[in-house]
Amino acid sequence: NPSTTLDYALNNAGVVEFKVYDVTGAEVAVLAQGYQPAGEYSVTFNGSNLASGVYIAQLNVNGVVLTKSMMLIK
């Protein structure tokens, strides 16, 4: 199953960019973008059209960046 659900929570409202990149730095998916009020959120990443490998999920909220790596295995 090449899809997964990614959960995140915002303590304060803000401008959100949640993107996925491949190891070369190319953007492969935009999971969330725009203003969001404080609260809990879930987004689905579907990698069915991508090759197996390592991908980087990056959440940017008001300039604060959280980065995590993910392994896609088909």
PDB file of N, CA and C in Angstrom:
ATOM      1  N   ASN A   1       0.852  -1.177   0.000  1.00  0.00           N
ATOM      2  CA  ASN A   1       0.000   0.000   0.000  1.00  0.00           C
ATOM      3  C   ASN A   1       0.895   1.237   0.000  1.00  0.00           C
ATOM      4  N   PRO A   2       0.893   1.997  -1.075  1.00  0.00           N
ATOM      5  CA  PRO A   2       1.804   3.136  -1.199  1.00  0.00           C
ATOM      6  C   PRO A   2       1.274   4.442  -0.605  1.00  0.00           C
ATOM      7  N   SER A   3       0.219   4.392   0.197  1.00  0.00           N
ATOM      8  CA  SER A   3      -0.292   5.628   0.781  1.00  0.00           C
ATOM      9  C   SER A   3      -0.237   5.554   2.307  1.00  0.00           C
ATOM     10  N   THR A   4      -0.128   6.728   2.910  1.00  0.00           N
ATOM     11  CA  THR A   4      -0.086   6.819   4.357  1.00  0.00           C
ATOM     12  C   THR A   4      -0.765   8.109   4.794  1.00  0.00           C
ATOM     13  N   THR A   5      -1.227   8.127   6.017  1.00  0.00           N
ATOM     14  CA  THR A   5      -1.845   9.322   6.592  1.00  0.00           C
ATOM     15  C   THR A   5      -0.846   9.983   7.518  1.00  0.00           C
ATOM     16  N   LEU A   6      -0.664  11.281   7.342  1.00  0.00           N
ATOM     17  CA  LEU A   6       0.247  12.062   8.167  1.00  0.00           C
ATOM     18  C   LEU A   6      -0.585  13.033   8.991  1.00  0.00           C
ATOM     19  N   ASP A   7      -0.401  12.996  10.300  1.00  0.00           N
ATOM     20  CA  ASP A   7      -1.151  13.847  11.219  1.00  0.00           C
ATOM     21  C   ASP A   7      -0.253  14.962  11.738  1.00  0.00           C
ATOM     22  N   TYR A   8      -0.848  16.138  11.939  1.00  0.00           N
ATOM     23  CA  TYR A   8      -0.126  17.241  12.559  1.00  0.00           C
ATOM     24  C   TYR A   8      -1.115  18.129  13.298  1.00  0.00           C
ATOM     25  N   ALA A   9      -0.592  18.880  14.260  1.00  0.00           N
ATOM     26  CA  ALA A   9      -1.431  19.773  15.057  1.00  0.00           C
ATOM     27  C   ALA A   9      -0.802  21.159  15.080  1.00  0.00           C
ATOM     28  N   LEU A  10      -1.642  22.172  15.022  1.00  0.00           N
ATOM     29  CA  LEU A  10      -1.197  23.560  15.101  1.00  0.00           C
ATOM     30  C   LEU A  10      -1.670  24.155  16.417  1.00  0.00           C
ATOM     31  N   ASN A  11      -0.728  24.657  17.212  1.00  0.00           N
ATOM     32  CA  ASN A  11      -1.097  25.329  18.459  1.00  0.00           C
ATOM     33  C   ASN A  11      -1.692  26.701  18.193  1.00  0.00           C
ATOM     34  N   ASN A  12      -1.223  27.339  17.117  1.00  0.00           N
ATOM     35  CA  ASN A  12      -1.708  28.662  16.725  1.00  0.00           C
ATOM     36  C   ASN A  12      -2.034  28.645  15.247  1.00  0.00           C
ATOM     37  N   ALA A  13      -2.937  29.505  14.843  1.00  0.00           N
ATOM     38  CA  ALA A  13      -3.271  29.629  13.433  1.00  0.00           C
ATOM     39  C   ALA A  13      -2.057  30.134  12.672  1.00  0.00           C
ATOM     40  N   GLY A  14      -1.982  29.785  11.394  1.00  0.00           N
ATOM     41  CA  GLY A  14      -0.859  30.268  10.605  1.00  0.00           C
ATOM     42  C   GLY A  14      -0.909  29.797   9.171  1.00  0.00           C
ATOM     43  N   VAL A  15       0.073  30.256   8.415  1.00  0.00           N
ATOM     44  CA  VAL A  15       0.211  29.867   7.018  1.00  0.00           C
ATOM     45  C   VAL A  15       1.009  28.567   6.980  1.00  0.00           C
ATOM     46  N   VAL A  16       0.414  27.560   6.361  1.00  0.00           N
ATOM     47  CA  VAL A  16       0.970  26.205   6.351  1.00  0.00           C
ATOM     48  C   VAL A  16       1.396  25.825   4.937  1.00  0.00           C
ATOM     49  N   GLU A  17       2.556  25.206   4.829  1.00  0.00           N
ATOM     50  CA  GLU A  17       2.981  24.529   3.605  1.00  0.00           C
ATOM     51  C   GLU A  17       3.467  23.147   4.025  1.00  0.00           C
ATOM     52  N   PHE A  18       2.814  22.123   3.558  1.00  0.00           N
ATOM     53  CA  PHE A  18       3.199  20.742   3.860  1.00  0.00           C
ATOM     54  C   PHE A  18       3.479  20.078   2.520  1.00  0.00           C
ATOM     55  N   LYS A  19       4.762  19.816   2.249  1.00  0.00           N
ATOM     56  CA  LYS A  19       5.174  19.295   0.954  1.00  0.00           C
ATOM     57  C   LYS A  19       6.041  18.058   1.121  1.00  0.00           C
ATOM     58  N   VAL A  20       6.122  17.277   0.045  1.00  0.00           N
ATOM     59  CA  VAL A  20       6.978  16.096   0.010  1.00  0.00           C
ATOM     60  C   VAL A  20       7.968  16.275  -1.136  1.00  0.00           C
ATOM     61  N   TYR A  21       9.246  15.950  -0.840  1.00  0.00           N
ATOM     62  CA  TYR A  21      10.330  16.080  -1.813  1.00  0.00           C
ATOM     63  C   TYR A  21      11.020  14.738  -1.982  1.00  0.00           C
ATOM     64  N   ASP A  22      11.602  14.522  -3.167  1.00  0.00           N
ATOM     65  CA  ASP A  22      12.452  13.345  -3.332  1.00  0.00           C
ATOM     66  C   ASP A  22      13.855  13.695  -2.859  1.00  0.00           C
ATOM     67  N   VAL A  23      14.786  12.745  -2.912  1.00  0.00           N
ATOM     68  CA  VAL A  23      16.127  12.973  -2.365  1.00  0.00           C
ATOM     69  C   VAL A  23      16.934  13.975  -3.177  1.00  0.00           C
ATOM     70  N   THR A  24      16.508  14.289  -4.387  1.00  0.00           N
ATOM     71  CA  THR A  24      17.199  15.304  -5.188  1.00  0.00           C
ATOM     72  C   THR A  24      16.691  16.704  -4.872  1.00  0.00           C
ATOM     73  N   GLY A  25      15.636  16.798  -4.055  1.00  0.00           N
ATOM     74  CA  GLY A  25      15.063  18.088  -3.702  1.00  0.00           C
ATOM     75  C   GLY A  25      13.898  18.510  -4.572  1.00  0.00           C
ATOM     76  N   ALA A  26      13.506  17.665  -5.499  1.00  0.00           N
ATOM     77  CA  ALA A  26      12.371  17.969  -6.365  1.00  0.00           C
ATOM     78  C   ALA A  26      11.063  17.763  -5.599  1.00  0.00           C
ATOM     79  N   GLU A  27      10.174  18.724  -5.706  1.00  0.00           N
ATOM     80  CA  GLU A  27       8.860  18.627  -5.054  1.00  0.00           C
ATOM     81  C   GLU A  27       8.019  17.585  -5.776  1.00  0.00           C
ATOM     82  N   VAL A  28       7.473  16.608  -5.028  1.00  0.00           N
ATOM     83  CA  VAL A  28       6.663  15.558  -5.638  1.00  0.00           C
ATOM     84  C   VAL A  28       5.200  15.620  -5.212  1.00  0.00           C
ATOM     85  N   ALA A  29       4.895  16.342  -4.121  1.00  0.00           N
ATOM     86  CA  ALA A  29       3.504  16.443  -3.663  1.00  0.00           C
ATOM     87  C   ALA A  29       3.335  17.648  -2.752  1.00  0.00           C
ATOM     88  N   VAL A  30       2.169  18.275  -2.856  1.00  0.00           N
ATOM     89  CA  VAL A  30       1.755  19.334  -1.934  1.00  0.00           C
ATOM     90  C   VAL A  30       0.572  18.783  -1.150  1.00  0.00           C
ATOM     91  N   LEU A  31       0.762  18.589   0.149  1.00  0.00           N
ATOM     92  CA  LEU A  31      -0.268  17.983   0.981  1.00  0.00           C
ATOM     93  C   LEU A  31      -1.196  19.018   1.603  1.00  0.00           C
ATOM     94  N   ALA A  32      -0.666  20.203   1.898  1.00  0.00           N
ATOM     95  CA  ALA A  32      -1.475  21.288   2.459  1.00  0.00           C
ATOM     96  C   ALA A  32      -0.767  22.599   2.155  1.00  0.00           C
ATOM     97  N   GLN A  33      -1.569  23.621   1.863  1.00  0.00           N
ATOM     98  CA  GLN A  33      -0.989  24.929   1.578  1.00  0.00           C
ATOM     99  C   GLN A  33      -2.033  26.001   1.838  1.00  0.00           C
ATOM    100  N   GLY A  34      -1.635  27.023   2.612  1.00  0.00           N
ATOM    101  CA  GLY A  34      -2.547  28.126   2.885  1.00  0.00           C
ATOM    102  C   GLY A  34      -2.751  28.333   4.372  1.00  0.00           C
ATOM    103  N   TYR A  35      -3.625  29.251   4.703  1.00  0.00           N
ATOM    104  CA  TYR A  35      -3.917  29.588   6.090  1.00  0.00           C
ATOM    105  C   TYR A  35      -4.773  28.493   6.727  1.00  0.00           C
ATOM    106  N   GLN A  36      -4.408  28.089   7.959  1.00  0.00           N
ATOM    107  CA  GLN A  36      -5.202  27.115   8.704  1.00  0.00           C
ATOM    108  C   GLN A  36      -5.338  27.589  10.153  1.00  0.00           C
ATOM    109  N   PRO A  37      -6.520  27.489  10.725  1.00  0.00           N
ATOM    110  CA  PRO A  37      -6.686  27.817  12.145  1.00  0.00           C
ATOM    111  C   PRO A  37      -6.044  26.746  13.027  1.00  0.00           C
ATOM    112  N   ALA A  38      -5.838  27.070  14.283  1.00  0.00           N
ATOM    113  CA  ALA A  38      -5.283  26.099  15.230  1.00  0.00           C
ATOM    114  C   ALA A  38      -6.180  24.864  15.272  1.00  0.00           C
ATOM    115  N   GLY A  39      -5.554  23.700  15.434  1.00  0.00           N
ATOM    116  CA  GLY A  39      -6.318  22.458  15.491  1.00  0.00           C
ATOM    117  C   GLY A  39      -5.500  21.282  15.016  1.00  0.00           C
ATOM    118  N   GLU A  40      -6.164  20.138  14.893  1.00  0.00           N
ATOM    119  CA  GLU A  40      -5.523  18.907  14.456  1.00  0.00           C
ATOM    120  C   GLU A  40      -5.941  18.594  13.027  1.00  0.00           C
ATOM    121  N   TYR A  41      -4.976  18.114  12.248  1.00  0.00           N
ATOM    122  CA  TYR A  41      -5.200  17.868  10.829  1.00  0.00           C
ATOM    123  C   TYR A  41      -4.620  16.525  10.431  1.00  0.00           C
ATOM    124  N   SER A  42      -5.179  15.949   9.367  1.00  0.00           N
ATOM    125  CA  SER A  42      -4.672  14.722   8.759  1.00  0.00           C
ATOM    126  C   SER A  42      -4.642  14.925   7.258  1.00  0.00           C
ATOM    127  N   VAL A  43      -3.557  14.504   6.636  1.00  0.00           N
ATOM    128  CA  VAL A  43      -3.448  14.544   5.185  1.00  0.00           C
ATOM    129  C   VAL A  43      -2.999  13.174   4.711  1.00  0.00           C
ATOM    130  N   THR A  44      -3.337  12.828   3.494  1.00  0.00           N
ATOM    131  CA  THR A  44      -2.959  11.541   2.933  1.00  0.00           C
ATOM    132  C   THR A  44      -1.903  11.751   1.856  1.00  0.00           C
ATOM    133  N   PHE A  45      -0.811  11.022   1.979  1.00  0.00           N
ATOM    134  CA  PHE A  45       0.232  11.018   0.961  1.00  0.00           C
ATOM    135  C   PHE A  45       0.089   9.736   0.170  1.00  0.00           C
ATOM    136  N   ASN A  46      -0.118   9.863  -1.137  1.00  0.00           N
ATOM    137  CA  ASN A  46      -0.264   8.705  -2.014  1.00  0.00           C
ATOM    138  C   ASN A  46       0.948   8.656  -2.940  1.00  0.00           C
ATOM    139  N   GLY A  47       1.792   7.678  -2.744  1.00  0.00           N
ATOM    140  CA  GLY A  47       2.995   7.542  -3.549  1.00  0.00           C
ATOM    141  C   GLY A  47       2.886   6.488  -4.627  1.00  0.00           C
ATOM    142  N   SER A  48       1.678   6.176  -5.063  1.00  0.00           N
ATOM    143  CA  SER A  48       1.502   5.103  -6.045  1.00  0.00           C
ATOM    144  C   SER A  48       2.152   5.431  -7.388  1.00  0.00           C
ATOM    145  N   ASN A  49       2.326   6.696  -7.713  1.00  0.00           N
ATOM    146  CA  ASN A  49       2.936   7.076  -8.983  1.00  0.00           C
ATOM    147  C   ASN A  49       4.431   7.371  -8.832  1.00  0.00           C
ATOM    148  N   LEU A  50       5.006   7.088  -7.668  1.00  0.00           N
ATOM    149  CA  LEU A  50       6.416   7.374  -7.403  1.00  0.00           C
ATOM    150  C   LEU A  50       7.215   6.080  -7.292  1.00  0.00           C
ATOM    151  N   ALA A  51       8.509   6.192  -7.515  1.00  0.00           N
ATOM    152  CA  ALA A  51       9.403   5.049  -7.379  1.00  0.00           C
ATOM    153  C   ALA A  51       9.681   4.774  -5.907  1.00  0.00           C
ATOM    154  N   SER A  52      10.039   3.546  -5.592  1.00  0.00           N
ATOM    155  CA  SER A  52      10.463   3.208  -4.238  1.00  0.00           C
ATOM    156  C   SER A  52      11.695   4.034  -3.889  1.00  0.00           C
ATOM    157  N   GLY A  53      11.795   4.431  -2.616  1.00  0.00           N
ATOM    158  CA  GLY A  53      12.953   5.197  -2.188  1.00  0.00           C
ATOM    159  C   GLY A  53      12.638   6.052  -0.984  1.00  0.00           C
ATOM    160  N   VAL A  54      13.551   6.975  -0.689  1.00  0.00           N
ATOM    161  CA  VAL A  54      13.410   7.864   0.453  1.00  0.00           C
ATOM    162  C   VAL A  54      12.806   9.182  -0.012  1.00  0.00           C
ATOM    163  N   TYR A  55      11.841   9.667   0.760  1.00  0.00           N
ATOM    164  CA  TYR A  55      11.193  10.945   0.490  1.00  0.00           C
ATOM    165  C   TYR A  55      11.210  11.785   1.768  1.00  0.00           C
ATOM    166  N   ILE A  56      11.191  13.084   1.596  1.00  0.00           N
ATOM    167  CA  ILE A  56      11.271  14.022   2.711  1.00  0.00           C
ATOM    168  C   ILE A  56       9.936  14.757   2.830  1.00  0.00           C
ATOM    169  N   ALA A  57       9.310  14.667   3.995  1.00  0.00           N
ATOM    170  CA  ALA A  57       8.082  15.414   4.280  1.00  0.00           C
ATOM    171  C   ALA A  57       8.484  16.655   5.069  1.00  0.00           C
ATOM    172  N   GLN A  58       8.070  17.828   4.581  1.00  0.00           N
ATOM    173  CA  GLN A  58       8.456  19.079   5.231  1.00  0.00           C
ATOM    174  C   GLN A  58       7.214  19.915   5.531  1.00  0.00           C
ATOM    175  N   LEU A  59       7.034  20.196   6.825  1.00  0.00           N
ATOM    176  CA  LEU A  59       5.923  21.027   7.295  1.00  0.00           C
ATOM    177  C   LEU A  59       6.492  22.382   7.704  1.00  0.00           C
ATOM    178  N   ASN A  60       6.012  23.438   7.066  1.00  0.00           N
ATOM    179  CA  ASN A  60       6.455  24.799   7.348  1.00  0.00           C
ATOM    180  C   ASN A  60       5.237  25.590   7.824  1.00  0.00           C
ATOM    181  N   VAL A  61       5.291  26.079   9.064  1.00  0.00           N
ATOM    182  CA  VAL A  61       4.196  26.864   9.629  1.00  0.00           C
ATOM    183  C   VAL A  61       4.777  28.184  10.139  1.00  0.00           C
ATOM    184  N   ASN A  62       4.415  29.263   9.478  1.00  0.00           N
ATOM    185  CA  ASN A  62       4.895  30.598   9.859  1.00  0.00           C
ATOM    186  C   ASN A  62       6.418  30.653   9.974  1.00  0.00           C
ATOM    187  N   GLY A  63       7.123  29.969   9.087  1.00  0.00           N
ATOM    188  CA  GLY A  63       8.577  30.002   9.079  1.00  0.00           C
ATOM    189  C   GLY A  63       9.250  28.973   9.967  1.00  0.00           C
ATOM    190  N   VAL A  64       8.488  28.224  10.755  1.00  0.00           N
ATOM    191  CA  VAL A  64       9.047  27.145  11.576  1.00  0.00           C
ATOM    192  C   VAL A  64       8.914  25.853  10.766  1.00  0.00           C
ATOM    193  N   VAL A  65      10.052  25.175  10.571  1.00  0.00           N
ATOM    194  CA  VAL A  65      10.084  24.024   9.668  1.00  0.00           C
ATOM    195  C   VAL A  65      10.359  22.734  10.441  1.00  0.00           C
ATOM    196  N   LEU A  66       9.553  21.708  10.149  1.00  0.00           N
ATOM    197  CA  LEU A  66       9.748  20.360  10.691  1.00  0.00           C
ATOM    198  C   LEU A  66       9.939  19.430   9.499  1.00  0.00           C
ATOM    199  N   THR A  67      11.016  18.664   9.516  1.00  0.00           N
ATOM    200  CA  THR A  67      11.346  17.782   8.390  1.00  0.00           C
ATOM    201  C   THR A  67      11.484  16.350   8.886  1.00  0.00           C
ATOM    202  N   LYS A  68      10.870  15.416   8.172  1.00  0.00           N
ATOM    203  CA  LYS A  68      10.953  13.988   8.487  1.00  0.00           C
ATOM    204  C   LYS A  68      11.183  13.210   7.192  1.00  0.00           C
ATOM    205  N   SER A  69      11.909  12.124   7.286  1.00  0.00           N
ATOM    206  CA  SER A  69      12.107  11.280   6.112  1.00  0.00           C
ATOM    207  C   SER A  69      11.129  10.116   6.136  1.00  0.00           C
ATOM    208  N   MET A  70      10.799   9.637   4.947  1.00  0.00           N
ATOM    209  CA  MET A  70       9.878   8.510   4.803  1.00  0.00           C
ATOM    210  C   MET A  70      10.475   7.537   3.791  1.00  0.00           C
ATOM    211  N   MET A  71      10.240   6.265   3.987  1.00  0.00           N
ATOM    212  CA  MET A  71      10.691   5.251   3.060  1.00  0.00           C
ATOM    213  C   MET A  71       9.470   4.688   2.337  1.00  0.00           C
ATOM    214  N   LEU A  72       9.487   4.774   1.007  1.00  0.00           N
ATOM    215  CA  LEU A  72       8.408   4.205   0.188  1.00  0.00           C
ATOM    216  C   LEU A  72       8.915   2.913  -0.420  1.00  0.00           C
ATOM    217  N   ILE A  73       8.243   1.820  -0.088  1.00  0.00           N
ATOM    218  CA  ILE A  73       8.616   0.515  -0.591  1.00  0.00           C
ATOM    219  C   ILE A  73       7.409  -0.079  -1.303  1.00  0.00           C
ATOM    220  N   LYS A  74       7.600  -0.453  -2.535  1.00  0.00           N
ATOM    221  CA  LYS A  74       6.501  -1.046  -3.307  1.00  0.00           C
ATOM    222  C   LYS A  74       6.719  -2.519  -3.494  1.00  0.00           C
TER     223      LYS A  74
END
